[in-house]
Amino acid sequence: MLIAFDSKTGNVRRFVSKLGLPHVEIEPEMVIEEPFVLVTYTTGFGQVPEKVERFLKRNHVYLRGVSASGNRNWGASFAKSADTIASQYGVPVISKFELSGTGRDVEQFTSGVAAIATH
């Protein structure tokens, strides 16, 4: 399954590069016409990045799941963009990971994507 991602500081880009899955960095006007999983970061106090919001307005039909990076220092706002997107578009949160993720985070994510791809 395709992984669509957005990265502000490079953490999400580093995480996605560890996956060994096809991926594309999103652009606001981009159109994806196949099922995909979104990986993004959280901005501000738990908000979805504006670029991601614009991208999803065009592409949410094919969205199958979401993951987000964050920093646990933000407490309840840690990777909250995943929760917001999941609620808004009715898709599962596959994972939340800190910064660029660990090997265990990669395993959890790839297992989650595999489960979605088989349904």
PDB file of N, CA and C in Angstrom:
ATOM      1  N   MET A   1       0.850  -1.186   0.000  1.00  0.00           N
ATOM      2  CA  MET A   1       0.000   0.000   0.000  1.00  0.00           C
ATOM      3  C   MET A   1       0.890   1.241   0.000  1.00  0.00           C
ATOM      4  N   LEU A   2       0.438   2.259  -0.672  1.00  0.00           N
ATOM      5  CA  LEU A   2       1.176   3.507  -0.773  1.00  0.00           C
ATOM      6  C   LEU A   2       1.161   4.249   0.564  1.00  0.00           C
ATOM      7  N   ILE A   3       2.294   4.828   0.913  1.00  0.00           N
ATOM      8  CA  ILE A   3       2.410   5.678   2.091  1.00  0.00           C
ATOM      9  C   ILE A   3       2.559   7.111   1.600  1.00  0.00           C
ATOM     10  N   ALA A   4       1.626   7.967   1.974  1.00  0.00           N
ATOM     11  CA  ALA A   4       1.718   9.395   1.674  1.00  0.00           C
ATOM     12  C   ALA A   4       2.162  10.069   2.966  1.00  0.00           C
ATOM     13  N   PHE A   5       3.130  10.970   2.878  1.00  0.00           N
ATOM     14  CA  PHE A   5       3.638  11.559   4.118  1.00  0.00           C
ATOM     15  C   PHE A   5       3.961  13.033   3.964  1.00  0.00           C
ATOM     16  N   ASP A   6       3.991  13.703   5.116  1.00  0.00           N
ATOM     17  CA  ASP A   6       4.444  15.079   5.193  1.00  0.00           C
ATOM     18  C   ASP A   6       5.419  15.164   6.360  1.00  0.00           C
ATOM     19  N   SER A   7       6.479  15.912   6.179  1.00  0.00           N
ATOM     20  CA  SER A   7       7.521  16.025   7.198  1.00  0.00           C
ATOM     21  C   SER A   7       7.969  17.470   7.294  1.00  0.00           C
ATOM     22  N   LYS A   8       8.020  17.985   8.503  1.00  0.00           N
ATOM     23  CA  LYS A   8       8.463  19.362   8.707  1.00  0.00           C
ATOM     24  C   LYS A   8       9.945  19.428   9.062  1.00  0.00           C
ATOM     25  N   THR A   9      10.366  18.587   9.995  1.00  0.00           N
ATOM     26  CA  THR A   9      11.749  18.640  10.484  1.00  0.00           C
ATOM     27  C   THR A   9      12.603  17.487   9.969  1.00  0.00           C
ATOM     28  N   GLY A  10      11.992  16.562   9.235  1.00  0.00           N
ATOM     29  CA  GLY A  10      12.720  15.411   8.721  1.00  0.00           C
ATOM     30  C   GLY A  10      12.452  14.126   9.484  1.00  0.00           C
ATOM     31  N   ASN A  11      11.808  14.209  10.654  1.00  0.00           N
ATOM     32  CA  ASN A  11      11.541  12.998  11.437  1.00  0.00           C
ATOM     33  C   ASN A  11      10.631  12.024  10.707  1.00  0.00           C
ATOM     34  N   VAL A  12       9.536  12.519  10.145  1.00  0.00           N
ATOM     35  CA  VAL A  12       8.612  11.630   9.425  1.00  0.00           C
ATOM     36  C   VAL A  12       9.304  11.062   8.186  1.00  0.00           C
ATOM     37  N   ARG A  13      10.058  11.870   7.477  1.00  0.00           N
ATOM     38  CA  ARG A  13      10.786  11.401   6.293  1.00  0.00           C
ATOM     39  C   ARG A  13      11.742  10.266   6.678  1.00  0.00           C
ATOM     40  N   ARG A  14      12.457  10.414   7.796  1.00  0.00           N
ATOM     41  CA  ARG A  14      13.367   9.353   8.254  1.00  0.00           C
ATOM     42  C   ARG A  14      12.584   8.092   8.618  1.00  0.00           C
ATOM     43  N   PHE A  15      11.443   8.253   9.281  1.00  0.00           N
ATOM     44  CA  PHE A  15      10.616   7.098   9.641  1.00  0.00           C
ATOM     45  C   PHE A  15      10.166   6.360   8.385  1.00  0.00           C
ATOM     46  N   VAL A  16       9.620   7.085   7.433  1.00  0.00           N
ATOM     47  CA  VAL A  16       9.099   6.474   6.204  1.00  0.00           C
ATOM     48  C   VAL A  16      10.218   5.775   5.428  1.00  0.00           C
ATOM     49  N   SER A  17      11.407   6.335   5.453  1.00  0.00           N
ATOM     50  CA  SER A  17      12.520   5.716   4.718  1.00  0.00           C
ATOM     51  C   SER A  17      12.912   4.358   5.304  1.00  0.00           C
ATOM     52  N   LYS A  18      12.553   4.088   6.549  1.00  0.00           N
ATOM     53  CA  LYS A  18      12.854   2.806   7.197  1.00  0.00           C
ATOM     54  C   LYS A  18      11.854   1.707   6.833  1.00  0.00           C
ATOM     55  N   LEU A  19      10.738   2.070   6.215  1.00  0.00           N
ATOM     56  CA  LEU A  19       9.627   1.133   6.040  1.00  0.00           C
ATOM     57  C   LEU A  19       9.810   0.136   4.904  1.00  0.00           C
ATOM     58  N   GLY A  20      10.513   0.521   3.862  1.00  0.00           N
ATOM     59  CA  GLY A  20      10.632  -0.354   2.703  1.00  0.00           C
ATOM     60  C   GLY A  20       9.331  -0.484   1.934  1.00  0.00           C
ATOM     61  N   LEU A  21       8.480   0.522   2.028  1.00  0.00           N
ATOM     62  CA  LEU A  21       7.190   0.542   1.326  1.00  0.00           C
ATOM     63  C   LEU A  21       7.186   1.695   0.332  1.00  0.00           C
ATOM     64  N   PRO A  22       6.381   1.587  -0.740  1.00  0.00           N
ATOM     65  CA  PRO A  22       6.287   2.712  -1.678  1.00  0.00           C
ATOM     66  C   PRO A  22       5.740   3.944  -0.958  1.00  0.00           C
ATOM     67  N   HIS A  23       6.340   5.087  -1.222  1.00  0.00           N
ATOM     68  CA  HIS A  23       5.913   6.301  -0.529  1.00  0.00           C
ATOM     69  C   HIS A  23       6.069   7.531  -1.422  1.00  0.00           C
ATOM     70  N   VAL A  24       5.327   8.551  -1.049  1.00  0.00           N
ATOM     71  CA  VAL A  24       5.356   9.814  -1.773  1.00  0.00           C
ATOM     72  C   VAL A  24       5.150  10.940  -0.761  1.00  0.00           C
ATOM     73  N   GLU A  25       5.936  12.002  -0.909  1.00  0.00           N
ATOM     74  CA  GLU A  25       5.758  13.179  -0.061  1.00  0.00           C
ATOM     75  C   GLU A  25       4.630  14.016  -0.649  1.00  0.00           C
ATOM     76  N   ILE A  26       3.687  14.392   0.186  1.00  0.00           N
ATOM     77  CA  ILE A  26       2.489  15.064  -0.319  1.00  0.00           C
ATOM     78  C   ILE A  26       2.759  16.514  -0.696  1.00  0.00           C
ATOM     79  N   GLU A  27       1.926  16.971  -1.611  1.00  0.00           N
ATOM     80  CA  GLU A  27       1.821  18.373  -1.997  1.00  0.00           C
ATOM     81  C   GLU A  27       0.338  18.720  -1.905  1.00  0.00           C
ATOM     82  N   PRO A  28       0.008  19.944  -1.534  1.00  0.00           N
ATOM     83  CA  PRO A  28      -1.405  20.297  -1.333  1.00  0.00           C
ATOM     84  C   PRO A  28      -2.306  20.016  -2.534  1.00  0.00           C
ATOM     85  N   GLU A  29      -1.804  20.213  -3.746  1.00  0.00           N
ATOM     86  CA  GLU A  29      -2.631  20.035  -4.941  1.00  0.00           C
ATOM     87  C   GLU A  29      -2.533  18.632  -5.529  1.00  0.00           C
ATOM     88  N   MET A  30      -1.754  17.771  -4.917  1.00  0.00           N
ATOM     89  CA  MET A  30      -1.560  16.402  -5.397  1.00  0.00           C
ATOM     90  C   MET A  30      -2.865  15.618  -5.332  1.00  0.00           C
ATOM     91  N   VAL A  31      -3.056  14.737  -6.300  1.00  0.00           N
ATOM     92  CA  VAL A  31      -4.211  13.837  -6.302  1.00  0.00           C
ATOM     93  C   VAL A  31      -3.682  12.407  -6.307  1.00  0.00           C
ATOM     94  N   ILE A  32      -4.153  11.611  -5.361  1.00  0.00           N
ATOM     95  CA  ILE A  32      -3.804  10.190  -5.285  1.00  0.00           C
ATOM     96  C   ILE A  32      -5.070   9.398  -5.565  1.00  0.00           C
ATOM     97  N   GLU A  33      -4.989   8.484  -6.494  1.00  0.00           N
ATOM     98  CA  GLU A  33      -6.166   7.710  -6.896  1.00  0.00           C
ATOM     99  C   GLU A  33      -5.979   6.225  -6.619  1.00  0.00           C
ATOM    100  N   GLU A  34      -5.448   5.925  -5.447  1.00  0.00           N
ATOM    101  CA  GLU A  34      -5.295   4.544  -4.982  1.00  0.00           C
ATOM    102  C   GLU A  34      -5.294   4.581  -3.453  1.00  0.00           C
ATOM    103  N   PRO A  35      -5.607   3.468  -2.824  1.00  0.00           N
ATOM    104  CA  PRO A  35      -5.601   3.442  -1.355  1.00  0.00           C
ATOM    105  C   PRO A  35      -4.223   3.818  -0.803  1.00  0.00           C
ATOM    106  N   PHE A  36      -4.235   4.603   0.276  1.00  0.00           N
ATOM    107  CA  PHE A  36      -2.982   5.020   0.895  1.00  0.00           C
ATOM    108  C   PHE A  36      -3.155   5.175   2.397  1.00  0.00           C
ATOM    109  N   VAL A  37      -2.027   5.151   3.080  1.00  0.00           N
ATOM    110  CA  VAL A  37      -1.952   5.446   4.506  1.00  0.00           C
ATOM    111  C   VAL A  37      -1.172   6.747   4.642  1.00  0.00           C
ATOM    112  N   LEU A  38      -1.644   7.623   5.504  1.00  0.00           N
ATOM    113  CA  LEU A  38      -0.998   8.913   5.726  1.00  0.00           C
ATOM    114  C   LEU A  38      -0.114   8.853   6.964  1.00  0.00           C
ATOM    115  N   VAL A  39       1.091   9.390   6.841  1.00  0.00           N
ATOM    116  CA  VAL A  39       1.975   9.581   7.993  1.00  0.00           C
ATOM    117  C   VAL A  39       2.300  11.067   8.045  1.00  0.00           C
ATOM    118  N   THR A  40       2.031  11.689   9.183  1.00  0.00           N
ATOM    119  CA  THR A  40       2.233  13.123   9.312  1.00  0.00           C
ATOM    120  C   THR A  40       2.831  13.453  10.672  1.00  0.00           C
ATOM    121  N   TYR A  41       3.031  14.711  10.886  1.00  0.00           N
ATOM    122  CA  TYR A  41       3.489  15.208  12.180  1.00  0.00           C
ATOM    123  C   TYR A  41       2.346  15.982  12.819  1.00  0.00           C
ATOM    124  N   THR A  42       2.547  16.413  14.034  1.00  0.00           N
ATOM    125  CA  THR A  42       1.567  17.227  14.738  1.00  0.00           C
ATOM    126  C   THR A  42       2.193  18.597  14.942  1.00  0.00           C
ATOM    127  N   THR A  43       1.407  19.633  14.752  1.00  0.00           N
ATOM    128  CA  THR A  43       1.935  20.986  14.876  1.00  0.00           C
ATOM    129  C   THR A  43       1.204  21.736  15.991  1.00  0.00           C
ATOM    130  N   GLY A  44       1.790  22.830  16.433  1.00  0.00           N
ATOM    131  CA  GLY A  44       1.155  23.642  17.465  1.00  0.00           C
ATOM    132  C   GLY A  44       0.843  22.825  18.708  1.00  0.00           C
ATOM    133  N   PHE A  45      -0.377  22.958  19.181  1.00  0.00           N
ATOM    134  CA  PHE A  45      -0.823  22.240  20.376  1.00  0.00           C
ATOM    135  C   PHE A  45      -1.718  21.076  19.992  1.00  0.00           C
ATOM    136  N   GLY A  46      -1.240  20.247  19.066  1.00  0.00           N
ATOM    137  CA  GLY A  46      -1.987  19.058  18.673  1.00  0.00           C
ATOM    138  C   GLY A  46      -2.745  19.192  17.368  1.00  0.00           C
ATOM    139  N   GLN A  47      -2.433  20.198  16.563  1.00  0.00           N
ATOM    140  CA  GLN A  47      -3.166  20.429  15.323  1.00  0.00           C
ATOM    141  C   GLN A  47      -2.602  19.630  14.145  1.00  0.00           C
ATOM    142  N   VAL A  48      -3.491  19.435  13.165  1.00  0.00           N
ATOM    143  CA  VAL A  48      -3.116  18.844  11.882  1.00  0.00           C
ATOM    144  C   VAL A  48      -2.454  19.948  11.051  1.00  0.00           C
ATOM    145  N   PRO A  49      -1.321  19.684  10.432  1.00  0.00           N
ATOM    146  CA  PRO A  49      -0.690  20.703   9.586  1.00  0.00           C
ATOM    147  C   PRO A  49      -1.629  21.148   8.456  1.00  0.00           C
ATOM    148  N   GLU A  50      -1.603  22.434   8.146  1.00  0.00           N
ATOM    149  CA  GLU A  50      -2.483  22.994   7.110  1.00  0.00           C
ATOM    150  C   GLU A  50      -2.285  22.305   5.758  1.00  0.00           C
ATOM    151  N   LYS A  51      -1.049  22.020   5.397  1.00  0.00           N
ATOM    152  CA  LYS A  51      -0.758  21.343   4.128  1.00  0.00           C
ATOM    153  C   LYS A  51      -1.460  19.987   4.072  1.00  0.00           C
ATOM    154  N   VAL A  52      -1.467  19.268   5.180  1.00  0.00           N
ATOM    155  CA  VAL A  52      -2.122  17.959   5.252  1.00  0.00           C
ATOM    156  C   VAL A  52      -3.636  18.123   5.135  1.00  0.00           C
ATOM    157  N   GLU A  53      -4.192  19.127   5.788  1.00  0.00           N
ATOM    158  CA  GLU A  53      -5.639  19.374   5.683  1.00  0.00           C
ATOM    159  C   GLU A  53      -6.040  19.623   4.235  1.00  0.00           C
ATOM    160  N   ARG A  54      -5.271  20.448   3.526  1.00  0.00           N
ATOM    161  CA  ARG A  54      -5.585  20.735   2.120  1.00  0.00           C
ATOM    162  C   ARG A  54      -5.459  19.474   1.268  1.00  0.00           C
ATOM    163  N   PHE A  55      -4.426  18.685   1.520  1.00  0.00           N
ATOM    164  CA  PHE A  55      -4.229  17.433   0.795  1.00  0.00           C
ATOM    165  C   PHE A  55      -5.406  16.482   1.025  1.00  0.00           C
ATOM    166  N   LEU A  56      -5.848  16.353   2.260  1.00  0.00           N
ATOM    167  CA  LEU A  56      -6.933  15.415   2.573  1.00  0.00           C
ATOM    168  C   LEU A  56      -8.270  15.851   1.984  1.00  0.00           C
ATOM    169  N   LYS A  57      -8.498  17.130   1.832  1.00  0.00           N
ATOM    170  CA  LYS A  57      -9.743  17.582   1.200  1.00  0.00           C
ATOM    171  C   LYS A  57      -9.878  16.999  -0.198  1.00  0.00           C
ATOM    172  N   ARG A  58      -8.765  16.848  -0.903  1.00  0.00           N
ATOM    173  CA  ARG A  58      -8.773  16.295  -2.262  1.00  0.00           C
ATOM    174  C   ARG A  58      -8.695  14.770  -2.285  1.00  0.00           C
ATOM    175  N   ASN A  59      -8.134  14.168  -1.257  1.00  0.00           N
ATOM    176  CA  ASN A  59      -7.738  12.762  -1.340  1.00  0.00           C
ATOM    177  C   ASN A  59      -8.314  11.846  -0.268  1.00  0.00           C
ATOM    178  N   HIS A  60      -9.189  12.331   0.570  1.00  0.00           N
ATOM    179  CA  HIS A  60      -9.653  11.512   1.698  1.00  0.00           C
ATOM    180  C   HIS A  60     -10.394  10.240   1.283  1.00  0.00           C
ATOM    181  N   VAL A  61     -10.925  10.195   0.090  1.00  0.00           N
ATOM    182  CA  VAL A  61     -11.682   9.018  -0.364  1.00  0.00           C
ATOM    183  C   VAL A  61     -10.824   7.756  -0.316  1.00  0.00           C
ATOM    184  N   TYR A  62      -9.541   7.875  -0.600  1.00  0.00           N
ATOM    185  CA  TYR A  62      -8.646   6.714  -0.635  1.00  0.00           C
ATOM    186  C   TYR A  62      -7.848   6.528   0.661  1.00  0.00           C
ATOM    187  N   LEU A  63      -8.055   7.391   1.641  1.00  0.00           N
ATOM    188  CA  LEU A  63      -7.354   7.285   2.917  1.00  0.00           C
ATOM    189  C   LEU A  63      -7.822   6.043   3.664  1.00  0.00           C
ATOM    190  N   ARG A  64      -6.877   5.189   4.087  1.00  0.00           N
ATOM    191  CA  ARG A  64      -7.216   3.936   4.775  1.00  0.00           C
ATOM    192  C   ARG A  64      -6.747   3.885   6.218  1.00  0.00           C
ATOM    193  N   GLY A  65      -5.839   4.768   6.607  1.00  0.00           N
ATOM    194  CA  GLY A  65      -5.335   4.793   7.974  1.00  0.00           C
ATOM    195  C   GLY A  65      -4.361   5.941   8.135  1.00  0.00           C
ATOM    196  N   VAL A  66      -4.013   6.237   9.390  1.00  0.00           N
ATOM    197  CA  VAL A  66      -3.140   7.372   9.665  1.00  0.00           C
ATOM    198  C   VAL A  66      -2.199   7.048  10.821  1.00  0.00           C
ATOM    199  N   SER A  67      -1.004   7.594  10.732  1.00  0.00           N
ATOM    200  CA  SER A  67      -0.020   7.552  11.813  1.00  0.00           C
ATOM    201  C   SER A  67       0.572   8.945  11.949  1.00  0.00           C
ATOM    202  N   ALA A  68       1.074   9.241  13.140  1.00  0.00           N
ATOM    203  CA  ALA A  68       1.668  10.557  13.347  1.00  0.00           C
ATOM    204  C   ALA A  68       2.871  10.471  14.267  1.00  0.00           C
ATOM    205  N   SER A  69       3.790  11.387  14.036  1.00  0.00           N
ATOM    206  CA  SER A  69       4.932  11.540  14.929  1.00  0.00           C
ATOM    207  C   SER A  69       4.633  12.669  15.900  1.00  0.00           C
ATOM    208  N   GLY A  70       5.387  12.678  16.962  1.00  0.00           N
ATOM    209  CA  GLY A  70       5.233  13.728  17.949  1.00  0.00           C
ATOM    210  C   GLY A  70       6.353  13.647  18.963  1.00  0.00           C
ATOM    211  N   ASN A  71       6.206  14.441  20.000  1.00  0.00           N
ATOM    212  CA  ASN A  71       7.158  14.448  21.099  1.00  0.00           C
ATOM    213  C   ASN A  71       6.359  14.248  22.376  1.00  0.00           C
ATOM    214  N   ARG A  72       6.718  13.261  23.157  1.00  0.00           N
ATOM    215  CA  ARG A  72       5.960  12.935  24.372  1.00  0.00           C
ATOM    216  C   ARG A  72       5.959  14.068  25.391  1.00  0.00           C
ATOM    217  N   ASN A  73       6.849  15.039  25.236  1.00  0.00           N
ATOM    218  CA  ASN A  73       6.839  16.212  26.121  1.00  0.00           C
ATOM    219  C   ASN A  73       5.519  16.972  26.035  1.00  0.00           C
ATOM    220  N   TRP A  74       4.761  16.773  24.948  1.00  0.00           N
ATOM    221  CA  TRP A  74       3.501  17.480  24.753  1.00  0.00           C
ATOM    222  C   TRP A  74       2.333  16.798  25.463  1.00  0.00           C
ATOM    223  N   GLY A  75       2.590  15.728  26.194  1.00  0.00           N
ATOM    224  CA  GLY A  75       1.548  15.075  26.991  1.00  0.00           C
ATOM    225  C   GLY A  75       0.377  14.617  26.151  1.00  0.00           C
ATOM    226  N   ALA A  76      -0.824  15.075  26.502  1.00  0.00           N
ATOM    227  CA  ALA A  76      -2.051  14.648  25.818  1.00  0.00           C
ATOM    228  C   ALA A  76      -2.083  15.071  24.354  1.00  0.00           C
ATOM    229  N   SER A  77      -1.278  16.028  23.974  1.00  0.00           N
ATOM    230  CA  SER A  77      -1.235  16.473  22.575  1.00  0.00           C
ATOM    231  C   SER A  77      -0.252  15.661  21.737  1.00  0.00           C
ATOM    232  N   PHE A  78       0.408  14.664  22.345  1.00  0.00           N
ATOM    233  CA  PHE A  78       1.380  13.835  21.630  1.00  0.00           C
ATOM    234  C   PHE A  78       0.737  13.185  20.411  1.00  0.00           C
ATOM    235  N   ALA A  79       1.252  13.500  19.227  1.00  0.00           N
ATOM    236  CA  ALA A  79       0.796  12.908  17.958  1.00  0.00           C
ATOM    237  C   ALA A  79      -0.721  12.998  17.783  1.00  0.00           C
ATOM    238  N   LYS A  80      -1.306  14.035  18.337  1.00  0.00           N
ATOM    239  CA  LYS A  80      -2.770  14.182  18.328  1.00  0.00           C
ATOM    240  C   LYS A  80      -3.347  14.365  16.929  1.00  0.00           C
ATOM    241  N   SER A  81      -2.550  14.791  15.977  1.00  0.00           N
ATOM    242  CA  SER A  81      -3.067  14.951  14.614  1.00  0.00           C
ATOM    243  C   SER A  81      -3.624  13.630  14.092  1.00  0.00           C
ATOM    244  N   ALA A  82      -3.040  12.502  14.495  1.00  0.00           N
ATOM    245  CA  ALA A  82      -3.557  11.196  14.061  1.00  0.00           C
ATOM    246  C   ALA A  82      -4.979  10.985  14.571  1.00  0.00           C
ATOM    247  N   ASP A  83      -5.232  11.332  15.823  1.00  0.00           N
ATOM    248  CA  ASP A  83      -6.579  11.181  16.390  1.00  0.00           C
ATOM    249  C   ASP A  83      -7.586  12.071  15.668  1.00  0.00           C
ATOM    250  N   THR A  84      -7.185  13.294  15.387  1.00  0.00           N
ATOM    251  CA  THR A  84      -8.072  14.244  14.712  1.00  0.00           C
ATOM    252  C   THR A  84      -8.436  13.752  13.315  1.00  0.00           C
ATOM    253  N   ILE A  85      -7.441  13.319  12.558  1.00  0.00           N
ATOM    254  CA  ILE A  85      -7.681  12.827  11.196  1.00  0.00           C
ATOM    255  C   ILE A  85      -8.524  11.562  11.233  1.00  0.00           C
ATOM    256  N   ALA A  86      -8.214  10.648  12.135  1.00  0.00           N
ATOM    257  CA  ALA A  86      -8.975   9.398  12.250  1.00  0.00           C
ATOM    258  C   ALA A  86     -10.439   9.679  12.543  1.00  0.00           C
ATOM    259  N   SER A  87     -10.698  10.593  13.445  1.00  0.00           N
ATOM    260  CA  SER A  87     -12.071  10.945  13.798  1.00  0.00           C
ATOM    261  C   SER A  87     -12.786  11.626  12.639  1.00  0.00           C
ATOM    262  N   GLN A  88     -12.118  12.542  11.984  1.00  0.00           N
ATOM    263  CA  GLN A  88     -12.733  13.301  10.896  1.00  0.00           C
ATOM    264  C   GLN A  88     -13.053  12.430   9.686  1.00  0.00           C
ATOM    265  N   TYR A  89     -12.196  11.454   9.389  1.00  0.00           N
ATOM    266  CA  TYR A  89     -12.358  10.669   8.162  1.00  0.00           C
ATOM    267  C   TYR A  89     -12.740   9.210   8.398  1.00  0.00           C
ATOM    268  N   GLY A  90     -12.934   8.818   9.639  1.00  0.00           N
ATOM    269  CA  GLY A  90     -13.398   7.465   9.929  1.00  0.00           C
ATOM    270  C   GLY A  90     -12.408   6.373   9.571  1.00  0.00           C
ATOM    271  N   VAL A  91     -11.127   6.629   9.820  1.00  0.00           N
ATOM    272  CA  VAL A  91     -10.081   5.636   9.549  1.00  0.00           C
ATOM    273  C   VAL A  91      -9.355   5.320  10.855  1.00  0.00           C
ATOM    274  N   PRO A  92      -8.670   4.175  10.905  1.00  0.00           N
ATOM    275  CA  PRO A  92      -7.960   3.833  12.143  1.00  0.00           C
ATOM    276  C   PRO A  92      -6.634   4.576  12.304  1.00  0.00           C
ATOM    277  N   VAL A  93      -6.272   4.793  13.569  1.00  0.00           N
ATOM    278  CA  VAL A  93      -4.921   5.239  13.893  1.00  0.00           C
ATOM    279  C   VAL A  93      -4.058   3.986  13.915  1.00  0.00           C
ATOM    280  N   ILE A  94      -3.095   3.921  13.030  1.00  0.00           N
ATOM    281  CA  ILE A  94      -2.211   2.754  12.955  1.00  0.00           C
ATOM    282  C   ILE A  94      -1.170   2.808  14.057  1.00  0.00           C
ATOM    283  N   SER A  95      -0.589   3.983  14.255  1.00  0.00           N
ATOM    284  CA  SER A  95       0.422   4.122  15.301  1.00  0.00           C
ATOM    285  C   SER A  95       0.716   5.589  15.560  1.00  0.00           C
ATOM    286  N   LYS A  96       1.344   5.806  16.703  1.00  0.00           N
ATOM    287  CA  LYS A  96       1.920   7.099  17.049  1.00  0.00           C
ATOM    288  C   LYS A  96       3.353   6.803  17.454  1.00  0.00           C
ATOM    289  N   PHE A  97       4.278   7.627  16.998  1.00  0.00           N
ATOM    290  CA  PHE A  97       5.678   7.376  17.319  1.00  0.00           C
ATOM    291  C   PHE A  97       6.371   8.683  17.655  1.00  0.00           C
ATOM    292  N   GLU A  98       7.400   8.570  18.481  1.00  0.00           N
ATOM    293  CA  GLU A  98       8.140   9.751  18.889  1.00  0.00           C
ATOM    294  C   GLU A  98       9.269  10.026  17.905  1.00  0.00           C
ATOM    295  N   LEU A  99       9.365  11.300  17.515  1.00  0.00           N
ATOM    296  CA  LEU A  99      10.415  11.771  16.617  1.00  0.00           C
ATOM    297  C   LEU A  99      10.477  10.933  15.345  1.00  0.00           C
ATOM    298  N   SER A 100      11.574  10.216  15.067  1.00  0.00           N
ATOM    299  CA  SER A 100      11.630   9.424  13.830  1.00  0.00           C
ATOM    300  C   SER A 100      11.374   7.943  14.074  1.00  0.00           C
ATOM    301  N   GLY A 101      10.898   7.600  15.248  1.00  0.00           N
ATOM    302  CA  GLY A 101      10.486   6.231  15.534  1.00  0.00           C
ATOM    303  C   GLY A 101      11.629   5.276  15.820  1.00  0.00           C
ATOM    304  N   THR A 102      11.264   4.141  16.405  1.00  0.00           N
ATOM    305  CA  THR A 102      12.212   3.074  16.736  1.00  0.00           C
ATOM    306  C   THR A 102      11.947   1.877  15.830  1.00  0.00           C
ATOM    307  N   GLY A 103      12.775   0.868  15.936  1.00  0.00           N
ATOM    308  CA  GLY A 103      12.537  -0.369  15.192  1.00  0.00           C
ATOM    309  C   GLY A 103      11.192  -0.980  15.541  1.00  0.00           C
ATOM    310  N   ARG A 104      10.831  -0.904  16.802  1.00  0.00           N
ATOM    311  CA  ARG A 104       9.523  -1.426  17.228  1.00  0.00           C
ATOM    312  C   ARG A 104       8.378  -0.623  16.601  1.00  0.00           C
ATOM    313  N   ASP A 105       8.543   0.687  16.505  1.00  0.00           N
ATOM    314  CA  ASP A 105       7.525   1.525  15.859  1.00  0.00           C
ATOM    315  C   ASP A 105       7.351   1.132  14.395  1.00  0.00           C
ATOM    316  N   VAL A 106       8.457   0.857  13.721  1.00  0.00           N
ATOM    317  CA  VAL A 106       8.411   0.437  12.318  1.00  0.00           C
ATOM    318  C   VAL A 106       7.647  -0.878  12.200  1.00  0.00           C
ATOM    319  N   GLU A 107       7.933  -1.835  13.077  1.00  0.00           N
ATOM    320  CA  GLU A 107       7.236  -3.126  13.058  1.00  0.00           C
ATOM    321  C   GLU A 107       5.740  -2.952  13.294  1.00  0.00           C
ATOM    322  N   GLN A 108       5.384  -2.124  14.279  1.00  0.00           N
ATOM    323  CA  GLN A 108       3.970  -1.887  14.570  1.00  0.00           C
ATOM    324  C   GLN A 108       3.269  -1.268  13.363  1.00  0.00           C
ATOM    325  N   PHE A 109       3.916  -0.296  12.748  1.00  0.00           N
ATOM    326  CA  PHE A 109       3.323   0.373  11.597  1.00  0.00           C
ATOM    327  C   PHE A 109       3.139  -0.593  10.433  1.00  0.00           C
ATOM    328  N   THR A 110       4.188  -1.334  10.084  1.00  0.00           N
ATOM    329  CA  THR A 110       4.089  -2.234   8.930  1.00  0.00           C
ATOM    330  C   THR A 110       3.061  -3.335   9.170  1.00  0.00           C
ATOM    331  N   SER A 111       2.937  -3.810  10.396  1.00  0.00           N
ATOM    332  CA  SER A 111       1.894  -4.795  10.719  1.00  0.00           C
ATOM    333  C   SER A 111       0.507  -4.186  10.556  1.00  0.00           C
ATOM    334  N   GLY A 112       0.352  -2.947  11.003  1.00  0.00           N
ATOM    335  CA  GLY A 112      -0.929  -2.264  10.864  1.00  0.00           C
ATOM    336  C   GLY A 112      -1.312  -2.033   9.416  1.00  0.00           C
ATOM    337  N   VAL A 113      -0.348  -1.646   8.609  1.00  0.00           N
ATOM    338  CA  VAL A 113      -0.609  -1.439   7.180  1.00  0.00           C
ATOM    339  C   VAL A 113      -0.968  -2.763   6.519  1.00  0.00           C
ATOM    340  N   ALA A 114      -0.266  -3.825   6.860  1.00  0.00           N
ATOM    341  CA  ALA A 114      -0.558  -5.144   6.284  1.00  0.00           C
ATOM    342  C   ALA A 114      -1.977  -5.581   6.628  1.00  0.00           C
ATOM    343  N   ALA A 115      -2.407  -5.328   7.856  1.00  0.00           N
ATOM    344  CA  ALA A 115      -3.767  -5.695   8.263  1.00  0.00           C
ATOM    345  C   ALA A 115      -4.809  -4.910   7.468  1.00  0.00           C
ATOM    346  N   ILE A 116      -4.552  -3.639   7.236  1.00  0.00           N
ATOM    347  CA  ILE A 116      -5.478  -2.811   6.454  1.00  0.00           C
ATOM    348  C   ILE A 116      -5.504  -3.272   5.002  1.00  0.00           C
ATOM    349  N   ALA A 117      -4.355  -3.601   4.456  1.00  0.00           N
ATOM    350  CA  ALA A 117      -4.257  -3.991   3.046  1.00  0.00           C
ATOM    351  C   ALA A 117      -4.997  -5.290   2.752  1.00  0.00           C
ATOM    352  N   THR A 118      -5.139  -6.159   3.742  1.00  0.00           N
ATOM    353  CA  THR A 118      -5.808  -7.445   3.518  1.00  0.00           C
ATOM    354  C   THR A 118      -7.315  -7.368   3.708  1.00  0.00           C
ATOM    355  N   HIS A 119      -7.837  -6.235   4.132  1.00  0.00           N
ATOM    356  CA  HIS A 119      -9.293  -6.106   4.320  1.00  0.00           C
ATOM    357  C   HIS A 119      -9.937  -5.376   3.183  1.00  0.00           C
TER     358      HIS A 119
END
